[in-house]
Each structure stands twice: as structure tokens, then as C-alpha cells.
Amino acid sequence: MGKRALERRLSAVSDFADPQVELEQYPTPADLAAHLVHLADVHHDIAGKTIFDLGTGTGMLALGAATRDPERVLGIDRDASAIEQAGENEHRVAPETPVEWVVGDVPRAPFCISKTSSSAPSRTVLMNPPFGAQTGNEHADRAFLETTAAIADVSYSIHNEGSMSFVEAFAEDAGGEVTHAFRAELPLSRQFAFQRRQKKVLDAEVFRIEW
């Protein structure tokens, strides 16, 4: 299945029914998700691997990865209602590999996995973490990267525009390396009262990191 076909398949994923601004619950567009999953697949980072979608929301990245023959897929989010919606989206997308949905706080790493476990399949993180743009949620993306560095062999993550120096420095300090980076656009429809426009395009950056 090509990237365009995957994008069409992921278009069945519904957005947040009741998004929470404090959690920065903005949907990942199907076209960007398909591109990210396709890139990971081309680099042999999905098939036969354990995949984590940290802050999965309604499941877009986890469901995309689950169509690419992974060993296992886990979608983790602290919002139980979003996880319930992700499960409903799984029925719509019907991926070949079932997804394990977990309610948990990503910065607290709600799973027992270590990179020192040599017998387990290698681990890939796909994530669109909160950017840390909301008051009280500052540096949220750093917390997600800290969890990623502890469990992943490779990761793909979406960040706010201008994050290159921060992500590169973080990866280097954690013994990792940014191998790919590219710009992306996040078209956001009006979800919250403070948003003045019906639609806004947010500039973002995507990074592949080997840990």
C-alpha cells in the first residue's frame, strides 16, 4: 500500500470529540501521518518492530504504523476519552496489526521497557507531542523526548517551528543523533474559543532521531 492509499485509509480517523486545550489536543493530519509512516517504513523502522505512539490522541500515528507489519503497536495517552475514541477509529481503519491502547502519562513512562533488553524487537517511537505552548504545559515536548530517549532505538516526532537547535542539542546530550529533519504544515480548524480564525496553518518540523 502506497503513501496516498495510506492517507486515504487514515482519513477515516476522527478528530477529538471534546479537545482539551491544556493537553494541546490538536489532530495530526492524515497526509502528514501517512508521510511520516511511509518514511519510517522506507528506513525499515516499522516492520517487525515494537512501535510506540506517545500521546496518541485519537490514534492517527499508531493506526498508520499498524498497517505496516510491526511486531507490536502501543498507543499511549493520558486522556481516557481519547483512547476510547482511538479504539473506535481502529474499527474504521481496520489495520492488519491490532493496537494496544494504554491510558497513561507519557512523562511518567507507564510501561516497563528498557533499551538494555536485547531479546526484544527494536523499538520505534512515532509521536506528535504537545509543543508546550500553553501556560502550565511548558517544555512538554522535552518530557516526551526524555521518555523516548529511555525506550527507543529510533524516533520520529513533530515539533513546533524553530525547534531544530533544541532537538539536536537534546539528542546529543542523550547520546542520540538527528539523522533527518524536514518542515511540515499542520492545518488546524478552530476548536477553542480563544482561536479567532476558522482555520490556521501551523508551521512545524519533523525529526528522525537514532538513540
Protein backbone atom coordinates (compact mmCIF):
# COMPACT_ATOMS: atom_id res chain seq x y z
CA MET A 1 0.00 0.00 0.00
CA GLY A 2 1.47 3.32 -1.11
CA LYS A 3 1.54 6.61 0.76
CA ARG A 4 -1.53 8.01 -1.00
CA ALA A 5 -3.52 4.87 -0.27
CA LEU A 6 -2.48 5.05 3.39
CA GLU A 7 -3.55 8.70 3.55
CA ARG A 8 -7.00 7.76 2.20
CA ARG A 9 -7.24 4.97 4.74
CA LEU A 10 -6.25 7.25 7.62
CA SER A 11 -8.80 9.86 6.57
CA ALA A 12 -11.34 7.66 8.41
CA VAL A 13 -9.71 8.61 11.74
CA SER A 14 -11.99 11.01 13.60
CA ASP A 15 -10.65 14.06 15.46
CA PHE A 16 -11.08 14.79 19.17
CA ALA A 17 -14.75 14.91 20.12
CA ASP A 18 -14.01 17.19 23.09
CA PRO A 19 -10.44 18.52 22.80
CA GLN A 20 -8.70 19.81 25.91
CA VAL A 21 -6.65 22.95 25.38
CA GLU A 22 -4.42 22.26 28.40
CA LEU A 23 -3.32 19.00 26.75
CA GLU A 24 -2.80 20.75 23.39
CA GLN A 25 -5.05 18.22 21.68
CA TYR A 26 -4.68 19.11 18.03
CA PRO A 27 -5.16 16.37 15.42
CA THR A 28 -2.36 15.02 13.24
CA PRO A 29 -3.41 15.43 9.58
CA ALA A 30 -3.79 12.20 7.62
CA ASP A 31 -1.40 13.34 4.88
CA LEU A 32 1.39 14.17 7.35
CA ALA A 33 0.80 10.94 9.27
CA ALA A 34 0.96 8.93 6.05
CA HIS A 35 4.18 10.69 5.04
CA LEU A 36 5.80 10.08 8.43
CA VAL A 37 4.77 6.41 8.50
CA HIS A 38 5.95 5.95 4.91
CA LEU A 39 9.34 7.49 5.75
CA ALA A 40 9.70 5.22 8.77
CA ASP A 41 8.77 2.22 6.63
CA VAL A 42 11.33 3.12 3.97
CA HIS A 43 14.01 3.23 6.68
CA HIS A 44 12.93 -0.21 7.95
CA ASP A 45 11.82 1.27 11.28
CA ILE A 46 8.35 -0.33 11.46
CA ALA A 47 8.11 -3.86 10.06
CA GLY A 48 8.94 -6.38 12.77
CA LYS A 49 9.47 -3.63 15.37
CA THR A 50 7.64 -2.58 18.52
CA ILE A 51 6.01 0.78 17.84
CA PHE A 52 5.04 3.37 20.45
CA ASP A 53 2.77 6.29 19.64
CA LEU A 54 3.33 8.58 22.62
CA GLY A 55 0.45 10.96 23.20
CA THR A 56 -1.54 9.05 20.60
CA GLY A 57 -4.70 11.12 20.92
CA THR A 58 -7.29 9.53 18.65
CA GLY A 59 -4.73 7.09 17.27
CA MET A 60 -3.62 8.50 13.92
CA LEU A 61 0.08 7.53 14.00
CA ALA A 62 -0.45 4.23 15.82
CA LEU A 63 -3.04 3.15 13.26
CA GLY A 64 -0.83 4.17 10.37
CA ALA A 65 2.07 2.14 11.78
CA ALA A 66 -0.25 -0.84 12.37
CA THR A 67 -0.75 -1.16 8.61
CA ARG A 68 2.99 -1.74 8.05
CA ASP A 69 3.51 -5.18 9.62
CA PRO A 70 5.00 -4.23 13.01
CA GLU A 71 5.56 -6.81 15.74
CA ARG A 72 3.50 -4.76 18.19
CA VAL A 73 1.89 -1.32 18.42
CA LEU A 74 1.09 0.61 21.59
CA GLY A 75 -0.81 3.90 21.65
CA ILE A 76 -0.45 5.77 24.95
CA ASP A 77 -2.39 8.83 26.10
CA ARG A 78 -3.41 10.26 29.48
CA ASP A 79 -6.90 11.12 28.20
CA ALA A 80 -9.16 8.08 28.62
CA SER A 81 -11.83 9.53 26.32
CA ALA A 82 -9.28 9.99 23.55
CA ILE A 83 -8.12 6.39 24.00
CA GLU A 84 -11.74 5.24 23.74
CA GLN A 85 -12.10 7.22 20.53
CA ALA A 86 -8.85 5.72 19.22
CA GLY A 87 -10.32 2.27 19.75
CA GLU A 88 -13.34 3.28 17.68
CA ASN A 89 -11.03 4.61 14.98
CA GLU A 90 -9.27 1.26 14.91
CA HIS A 91 -12.53 -0.35 13.79
CA ARG A 92 -12.79 2.21 10.97
CA VAL A 93 -9.22 1.78 9.73
CA ALA A 94 -9.04 -1.98 10.40
CA PRO A 95 -5.22 -2.24 10.45
CA GLU A 96 -3.59 -5.61 9.93
CA THR A 97 -1.87 -5.47 13.33
CA PRO A 98 -4.09 -4.78 16.37
CA VAL A 99 -3.16 -1.81 18.53
CA GLU A 100 -2.83 -1.97 22.31
CA TRP A 101 -4.37 1.20 23.75
CA VAL A 102 -2.96 2.36 27.10
CA VAL A 103 -4.20 5.14 29.38
CA GLY A 104 -1.08 6.60 30.95
CA ASP A 105 1.01 9.73 31.46
CA VAL A 106 3.87 9.60 28.94
CA PRO A 107 6.39 11.61 31.02
CA ARG A 108 5.98 9.02 33.77
CA ALA A 109 6.75 6.22 31.27
CA PRO A 110 3.76 3.93 32.07
CA PHE A 111 5.45 0.76 30.83
CA CYS A 112 8.35 -1.46 31.84
CA ILE A 113 10.72 -1.47 28.88
CA SER A 114 14.43 -0.83 28.78
CA LYS A 115 16.78 -0.48 25.82
CA THR A 116 19.08 -2.94 27.58
CA SER A 117 16.63 -5.78 26.83
CA SER A 118 18.45 -7.41 23.92
CA SER A 119 15.94 -10.18 23.21
CA ALA A 120 13.02 -7.85 22.41
CA PRO A 121 12.38 -6.39 18.93
CA SER A 122 13.88 -2.95 18.39
CA ARG A 123 11.61 -0.07 19.31
CA THR A 124 10.42 2.90 17.29
CA VAL A 125 8.55 5.91 18.64
CA LEU A 126 6.18 7.88 16.41
CA MET A 127 4.71 10.94 18.08
CA ASN A 128 3.12 14.33 17.72
CA PRO A 129 3.76 15.53 21.29
CA PRO A 130 2.33 18.69 22.84
CA PHE A 131 4.53 21.61 21.82
CA GLY A 132 4.48 23.13 25.31
CA ALA A 133 2.82 26.31 24.05
CA GLN A 134 0.14 26.52 26.74
CA THR A 135 0.68 28.10 30.15
CA GLY A 136 1.32 25.35 32.67
CA ASN A 137 2.40 22.93 29.95
CA GLU A 138 5.77 24.47 29.12
CA HIS A 139 8.54 22.10 27.95
CA ALA A 140 6.03 19.28 27.42
CA ASP A 141 7.90 18.21 24.30
CA ARG A 142 11.11 17.83 26.35
CA ALA A 143 9.34 15.43 28.73
CA PHE A 144 8.17 13.34 25.79
CA LEU A 145 11.70 13.26 24.37
CA GLU A 146 13.06 12.15 27.74
CA THR A 147 10.73 9.16 27.74
CA THR A 148 11.59 8.47 24.10
CA ALA A 149 15.33 8.50 24.79
CA ALA A 150 14.81 5.94 27.56
CA ILE A 151 12.91 3.38 25.46
CA ALA A 152 13.51 3.94 21.73
CA ASP A 153 16.12 2.87 19.22
CA VAL A 154 14.76 5.40 16.73
CA SER A 155 12.03 8.04 16.84
CA TYR A 156 10.02 10.28 14.55
CA SER A 157 8.49 13.35 16.18
CA ILE A 158 6.66 16.52 15.18
CA HIS A 159 7.67 19.78 16.86
CA ASN A 160 6.95 23.48 16.67
CA GLU A 161 8.82 25.53 14.08
CA GLY A 162 12.22 26.65 15.32
CA SER A 163 12.89 23.50 17.36
CA MET A 164 15.93 22.32 15.41
CA SER A 165 18.64 23.57 17.79
CA PHE A 166 16.74 22.32 20.85
CA VAL A 167 16.07 18.86 19.41
CA GLU A 168 19.64 18.45 18.14
CA ALA A 169 21.11 19.50 21.48
CA PHE A 170 18.75 17.24 23.42
CA ALA A 171 19.53 14.26 21.20
CA GLU A 172 23.28 14.83 21.50
CA ASP A 173 23.10 15.10 25.30
CA ALA A 174 21.14 11.83 25.40
CA GLY A 175 23.61 10.01 23.16
CA GLY A 176 21.42 10.27 20.07
CA GLU A 177 21.68 11.88 16.66
CA VAL A 178 19.20 13.68 14.41
CA THR A 179 19.52 11.94 11.03
CA HIS A 180 16.68 13.61 9.12
CA ALA A 181 14.70 16.82 9.52
CA PHE A 182 12.07 18.45 7.36
CA ARG A 183 9.42 21.13 7.52
CA ALA A 184 5.72 20.33 7.70
CA GLU A 185 2.42 22.15 7.92
CA LEU A 186 -0.35 21.45 10.42
CA PRO A 187 -3.67 22.87 9.18
CA LEU A 188 -5.77 23.44 12.30
CA SER A 189 -9.50 24.07 12.30
CA ARG A 190 -10.99 26.24 15.05
CA GLN A 191 -11.51 24.12 18.17
CA PHE A 192 -11.25 26.52 21.10
CA ALA A 193 -12.90 29.84 21.98
CA PHE A 194 -9.61 31.77 22.02
CA GLN A 195 -8.90 30.91 18.38
CA ARG A 196 -10.01 33.80 16.16
CA ARG A 197 -9.69 32.11 12.77
CA GLN A 198 -11.76 29.21 11.48
CA LYS A 199 -8.60 27.66 10.06
CA LYS A 200 -4.91 28.27 10.65
CA VAL A 201 -1.79 26.65 9.26
CA LEU A 202 0.87 25.97 11.88
CA ASP A 203 4.46 25.59 10.69
CA ALA A 204 6.15 22.55 12.21
CA GLU A 205 9.32 20.47 11.95
CA VAL A 206 9.70 16.69 11.89
CA PHE A 207 12.80 14.87 13.14
CA ARG A 208 14.14 11.34 12.86
CA ILE A 209 16.49 10.55 15.73
CA GLU A 210 18.63 7.46 16.31
CA TRP A 211 19.15 6.92 20.05
